[in-house]
N, C-alpha and C. Protein backbone atom coordinates (compact mmCIF):
# COMPACT_ATOMS: atom_id res chain seq x y z
N MET A 1 83.36 19.71 -27.09
CA MET A 1 84.77 19.41 -27.16
C MET A 1 84.95 17.91 -26.91
N PRO A 2 85.63 17.20 -27.78
CA PRO A 2 85.81 15.76 -27.60
C PRO A 2 86.81 15.47 -26.48
N LEU A 3 86.65 14.31 -25.87
CA LEU A 3 87.56 13.89 -24.82
C LEU A 3 88.92 13.54 -25.39
N LYS A 4 89.97 13.88 -24.67
CA LYS A 4 91.33 13.51 -25.07
C LYS A 4 91.77 12.38 -24.16
N ILE A 5 91.92 11.20 -24.72
CA ILE A 5 92.24 10.01 -23.95
C ILE A 5 93.63 9.53 -24.34
N THR A 6 94.48 9.29 -23.34
CA THR A 6 95.84 8.79 -23.59
C THR A 6 96.13 7.63 -22.65
N HIS A 7 97.15 6.87 -22.97
CA HIS A 7 97.62 5.76 -22.14
C HIS A 7 98.93 6.18 -21.50
N LYS A 8 99.05 5.97 -20.18
CA LYS A 8 100.26 6.35 -19.46
C LYS A 8 100.69 5.20 -18.57
N PRO A 9 101.98 5.09 -18.30
CA PRO A 9 102.44 4.06 -17.36
C PRO A 9 101.89 4.34 -15.96
N GLU A 10 101.66 3.31 -15.20
CA GLU A 10 101.08 3.44 -13.88
C GLU A 10 101.94 4.31 -12.95
N GLU A 11 103.25 4.28 -13.14
CA GLU A 11 104.15 5.05 -12.29
C GLU A 11 104.03 6.55 -12.54
N ASP A 12 103.50 6.96 -13.69
CA ASP A 12 103.43 8.37 -14.07
C ASP A 12 102.14 9.07 -13.65
N VAL A 13 101.23 8.35 -13.03
CA VAL A 13 99.95 8.96 -12.65
C VAL A 13 99.79 8.90 -11.13
N PRO A 14 99.01 9.84 -10.54
CA PRO A 14 98.81 9.81 -9.09
C PRO A 14 97.96 8.62 -8.67
N THR A 15 98.17 8.15 -7.45
CA THR A 15 97.37 7.03 -6.94
C THR A 15 96.01 7.55 -6.49
N PRO A 16 94.98 6.70 -6.51
CA PRO A 16 93.66 7.14 -6.07
C PRO A 16 93.67 7.49 -4.59
N GLY A 17 92.86 8.47 -4.22
CA GLY A 17 92.79 8.95 -2.85
C GLY A 17 92.24 7.93 -1.88
N ARG A 18 91.19 7.20 -2.30
CA ARG A 18 90.60 6.18 -1.45
C ARG A 18 89.84 5.20 -2.32
N THR A 19 89.41 4.12 -1.71
CA THR A 19 88.65 3.12 -2.45
C THR A 19 87.21 3.57 -2.60
N GLY A 20 86.39 2.80 -3.26
CA GLY A 20 85.00 3.15 -3.48
C GLY A 20 84.25 3.40 -2.18
N LYS A 21 83.31 4.29 -2.23
CA LYS A 21 82.53 4.67 -1.05
C LYS A 21 81.38 3.69 -0.85
N VAL A 22 81.25 3.18 0.34
CA VAL A 22 80.16 2.28 0.68
C VAL A 22 79.04 3.10 1.29
N ASN A 23 77.84 2.91 0.80
CA ASN A 23 76.70 3.61 1.37
C ASN A 23 76.29 2.88 2.65
N GLU A 24 76.70 3.43 3.78
CA GLU A 24 76.45 2.79 5.07
C GLU A 24 74.96 2.70 5.38
N ASP A 25 74.19 3.67 4.94
CA ASP A 25 72.74 3.62 5.15
C ASP A 25 72.13 2.45 4.40
N LEU A 26 72.62 2.19 3.19
CA LEU A 26 72.11 1.08 2.39
C LEU A 26 72.44 -0.25 3.06
N VAL A 27 73.65 -0.40 3.55
CA VAL A 27 74.06 -1.63 4.23
C VAL A 27 73.21 -1.85 5.48
N ALA A 28 73.00 -0.80 6.27
CA ALA A 28 72.19 -0.92 7.49
C ALA A 28 70.74 -1.25 7.16
N LEU A 29 70.20 -0.63 6.11
CA LEU A 29 68.82 -0.89 5.71
C LEU A 29 68.64 -2.33 5.26
N LYS A 30 69.58 -2.85 4.46
CA LYS A 30 69.49 -4.24 4.00
C LYS A 30 69.54 -5.20 5.18
N ALA A 31 70.37 -4.90 6.18
CA ALA A 31 70.45 -5.76 7.37
C ALA A 31 69.12 -5.77 8.11
N GLU A 32 68.50 -4.61 8.25
CA GLU A 32 67.19 -4.53 8.93
C GLU A 32 66.11 -5.23 8.11
N MET A 33 66.18 -5.12 6.80
CA MET A 33 65.18 -5.78 5.94
C MET A 33 65.27 -7.30 6.09
N LEU A 34 66.49 -7.80 6.22
CA LEU A 34 66.66 -9.24 6.38
C LEU A 34 66.18 -9.73 7.75
N LYS A 35 66.25 -8.88 8.77
CA LYS A 35 65.84 -9.26 10.13
C LYS A 35 64.34 -9.11 10.37
N LEU A 36 63.63 -8.46 9.48
CA LEU A 36 62.22 -8.15 9.70
C LEU A 36 61.40 -9.42 9.84
N GLY A 37 60.60 -9.49 10.91
CA GLY A 37 59.77 -10.66 11.17
C GLY A 37 58.49 -10.67 10.33
N GLN A 38 57.86 -11.82 10.30
CA GLN A 38 56.61 -12.00 9.57
C GLN A 38 55.52 -11.08 10.13
N GLY A 39 54.82 -10.36 9.28
CA GLY A 39 53.74 -9.49 9.69
C GLY A 39 54.20 -8.16 10.27
N MET A 40 55.49 -7.87 10.19
CA MET A 40 56.04 -6.63 10.74
C MET A 40 56.29 -5.62 9.61
N VAL A 41 56.41 -4.35 9.97
CA VAL A 41 56.65 -3.26 9.02
C VAL A 41 57.83 -2.44 9.53
N LEU A 42 58.74 -2.07 8.64
CA LEU A 42 59.84 -1.19 9.02
C LEU A 42 59.33 0.24 9.15
N GLU A 43 59.76 0.93 10.18
CA GLU A 43 59.46 2.34 10.35
C GLU A 43 60.79 3.08 10.39
N ILE A 44 60.97 4.03 9.48
CA ILE A 44 62.22 4.77 9.36
C ILE A 44 61.93 6.25 9.58
N GLU A 45 62.54 6.82 10.60
CA GLU A 45 62.39 8.25 10.88
C GLU A 45 63.44 8.98 10.06
N THR A 46 63.00 9.81 9.11
CA THR A 46 63.93 10.51 8.23
C THR A 46 64.43 11.81 8.83
N GLY A 47 63.68 12.41 9.71
CA GLY A 47 64.11 13.65 10.33
C GLY A 47 63.67 14.90 9.59
N SER A 48 63.44 14.79 8.28
CA SER A 48 62.95 15.95 7.53
C SER A 48 62.16 15.47 6.32
N GLU A 49 61.31 16.35 5.82
CA GLU A 49 60.52 15.99 4.64
C GLU A 49 61.37 15.87 3.39
N LYS A 50 62.51 16.56 3.36
CA LYS A 50 63.40 16.49 2.19
C LYS A 50 64.06 15.12 2.06
N ALA A 51 64.19 14.38 3.16
CA ALA A 51 64.87 13.09 3.14
C ALA A 51 63.95 11.93 2.78
N ILE A 52 62.66 12.18 2.65
CA ILE A 52 61.69 11.11 2.37
C ILE A 52 61.97 10.46 1.02
N ARG A 53 62.15 11.26 0.00
CA ARG A 53 62.35 10.72 -1.35
C ARG A 53 63.62 9.87 -1.41
N GLY A 54 64.70 10.35 -0.80
CA GLY A 54 65.94 9.59 -0.78
C GLY A 54 65.82 8.28 -0.03
N THR A 55 65.05 8.29 1.05
CA THR A 55 64.84 7.07 1.84
C THR A 55 64.05 6.05 1.05
N LYS A 56 63.04 6.51 0.33
CA LYS A 56 62.26 5.59 -0.50
C LYS A 56 63.12 5.00 -1.62
N ALA A 57 63.99 5.81 -2.20
CA ALA A 57 64.90 5.32 -3.24
C ALA A 57 65.86 4.28 -2.66
N LEU A 58 66.31 4.51 -1.44
CA LEU A 58 67.20 3.56 -0.76
C LEU A 58 66.50 2.23 -0.53
N ILE A 59 65.22 2.28 -0.14
CA ILE A 59 64.45 1.05 0.06
C ILE A 59 64.32 0.29 -1.25
N THR A 60 64.04 1.00 -2.33
CA THR A 60 63.91 0.36 -3.64
C THR A 60 65.22 -0.29 -4.06
N ARG A 61 66.34 0.43 -3.89
CA ARG A 61 67.65 -0.09 -4.27
C ARG A 61 68.00 -1.33 -3.43
N ALA A 62 67.75 -1.27 -2.13
CA ALA A 62 68.05 -2.40 -1.25
C ALA A 62 67.19 -3.60 -1.60
N SER A 63 65.93 -3.38 -1.89
CA SER A 63 65.05 -4.51 -2.22
C SER A 63 65.46 -5.17 -3.52
N LYS A 64 65.91 -4.40 -4.49
CA LYS A 64 66.39 -4.99 -5.74
C LYS A 64 67.64 -5.82 -5.51
N GLN A 65 68.53 -5.34 -4.65
CA GLN A 65 69.74 -6.09 -4.35
C GLN A 65 69.44 -7.37 -3.59
N LEU A 66 68.39 -7.36 -2.78
CA LEU A 66 68.00 -8.55 -2.03
C LEU A 66 67.12 -9.48 -2.85
N GLY A 67 66.62 -9.03 -3.98
CA GLY A 67 65.78 -9.86 -4.84
C GLY A 67 64.35 -10.00 -4.34
N THR A 68 63.88 -9.02 -3.58
CA THR A 68 62.50 -9.03 -3.10
C THR A 68 61.82 -7.74 -3.49
N ARG A 69 60.53 -7.74 -3.41
CA ARG A 69 59.75 -6.54 -3.72
C ARG A 69 59.19 -5.98 -2.42
N TRP A 70 59.36 -4.66 -2.22
CA TRP A 70 58.88 -4.00 -1.01
C TRP A 70 57.95 -2.87 -1.38
N ARG A 71 56.95 -2.65 -0.55
CA ARG A 71 56.04 -1.52 -0.71
C ARG A 71 56.44 -0.48 0.33
N HIS A 72 56.50 0.79 -0.07
CA HIS A 72 56.85 1.83 0.89
C HIS A 72 55.90 3.01 0.77
N TRP A 73 55.69 3.68 1.89
CA TRP A 73 54.83 4.86 1.95
C TRP A 73 55.32 5.72 3.11
N HIS A 74 54.80 6.94 3.19
CA HIS A 74 55.23 7.82 4.27
C HIS A 74 54.05 8.53 4.91
N MET A 75 54.28 8.96 6.15
CA MET A 75 53.32 9.75 6.90
C MET A 75 54.16 10.74 7.69
N GLY A 76 54.03 12.01 7.37
CA GLY A 76 54.89 13.01 8.02
C GLY A 76 56.33 12.80 7.59
N THR A 77 57.22 12.66 8.56
CA THR A 77 58.63 12.43 8.23
C THR A 77 59.03 10.98 8.42
N LYS A 78 58.06 10.10 8.63
CA LYS A 78 58.34 8.67 8.80
C LYS A 78 58.03 7.94 7.50
N VAL A 79 58.93 7.02 7.14
CA VAL A 79 58.73 6.17 5.97
C VAL A 79 58.51 4.76 6.47
N PHE A 80 57.52 4.09 5.93
CA PHE A 80 57.19 2.72 6.30
C PHE A 80 57.44 1.81 5.11
N ALA A 81 57.86 0.56 5.38
CA ALA A 81 58.13 -0.38 4.29
C ALA A 81 57.79 -1.79 4.75
N LYS A 82 57.25 -2.57 3.83
CA LYS A 82 56.98 -3.97 4.12
C LYS A 82 57.18 -4.80 2.85
N PRO A 83 57.61 -6.05 3.01
CA PRO A 83 57.82 -6.90 1.83
C PRO A 83 56.49 -7.32 1.22
N THR A 84 56.49 -7.45 -0.11
CA THR A 84 55.28 -7.89 -0.80
C THR A 84 55.50 -9.19 -1.56
N GLY A 85 56.70 -9.75 -1.54
CA GLY A 85 56.96 -11.01 -2.20
C GLY A 85 58.15 -10.93 -3.13
N GLN A 86 58.38 -12.02 -3.83
CA GLN A 86 59.51 -12.12 -4.75
C GLN A 86 59.30 -11.27 -5.99
N VAL A 87 60.40 -10.83 -6.57
CA VAL A 87 60.33 -10.05 -7.81
C VAL A 87 59.98 -11.01 -8.94
N ARG A 88 58.99 -10.63 -9.69
CA ARG A 88 58.59 -11.44 -10.84
C ARG A 88 59.28 -10.91 -12.08
N GLY A 89 59.39 -11.76 -13.10
CA GLY A 89 59.96 -11.32 -14.36
C GLY A 89 59.05 -10.34 -15.06
N ARG A 90 59.60 -9.63 -16.02
CA ARG A 90 58.80 -8.65 -16.76
C ARG A 90 57.78 -9.37 -17.62
N ARG A 91 56.61 -8.80 -17.69
CA ARG A 91 55.57 -9.40 -18.52
C ARG A 91 55.86 -9.11 -19.98
N GLY A 92 55.45 -10.01 -20.83
CA GLY A 92 55.61 -9.80 -22.26
C GLY A 92 56.91 -10.34 -22.82
N ARG A 93 57.75 -10.91 -21.99
CA ARG A 93 58.99 -11.50 -22.51
C ARG A 93 58.66 -12.76 -23.26
N ARG A 94 59.43 -13.00 -24.27
CA ARG A 94 59.25 -14.24 -25.02
C ARG A 94 60.14 -15.32 -24.43
N ARG A 95 59.62 -16.51 -24.41
CA ARG A 95 60.42 -17.62 -23.93
C ARG A 95 61.36 -18.06 -25.03
N LYS A 96 62.50 -18.60 -24.63
CA LYS A 96 63.47 -19.09 -25.62
C LYS A 96 62.85 -20.27 -26.37
N GLY A 97 63.15 -20.34 -27.62
CA GLY A 97 62.68 -21.45 -28.43
C GLY A 97 61.32 -21.20 -29.05
N MET A 98 60.74 -20.05 -28.88
CA MET A 98 59.44 -19.77 -29.47
C MET A 98 59.59 -18.92 -30.69
């Protein structure tokens, strides 16, 4: 079934319930990543094995937003992460002018 899209005046539609949701875990993780000292590793207690995958995804998302590359692994319900350096460009790209 195709979507039915119409234009309505702003006064005729309900107002949004709330603004966009901020992922507080992501904000806290990015803050900790920025504070991490040289030669140190983040240790994150997930509390359950089901939360490991989500925590690793959060680390990846935070590292992309910070412009750094992080390595992460887990042991039991703990996830560990450490920086590995700056994100490099994709290989195989052509340079402009070639």
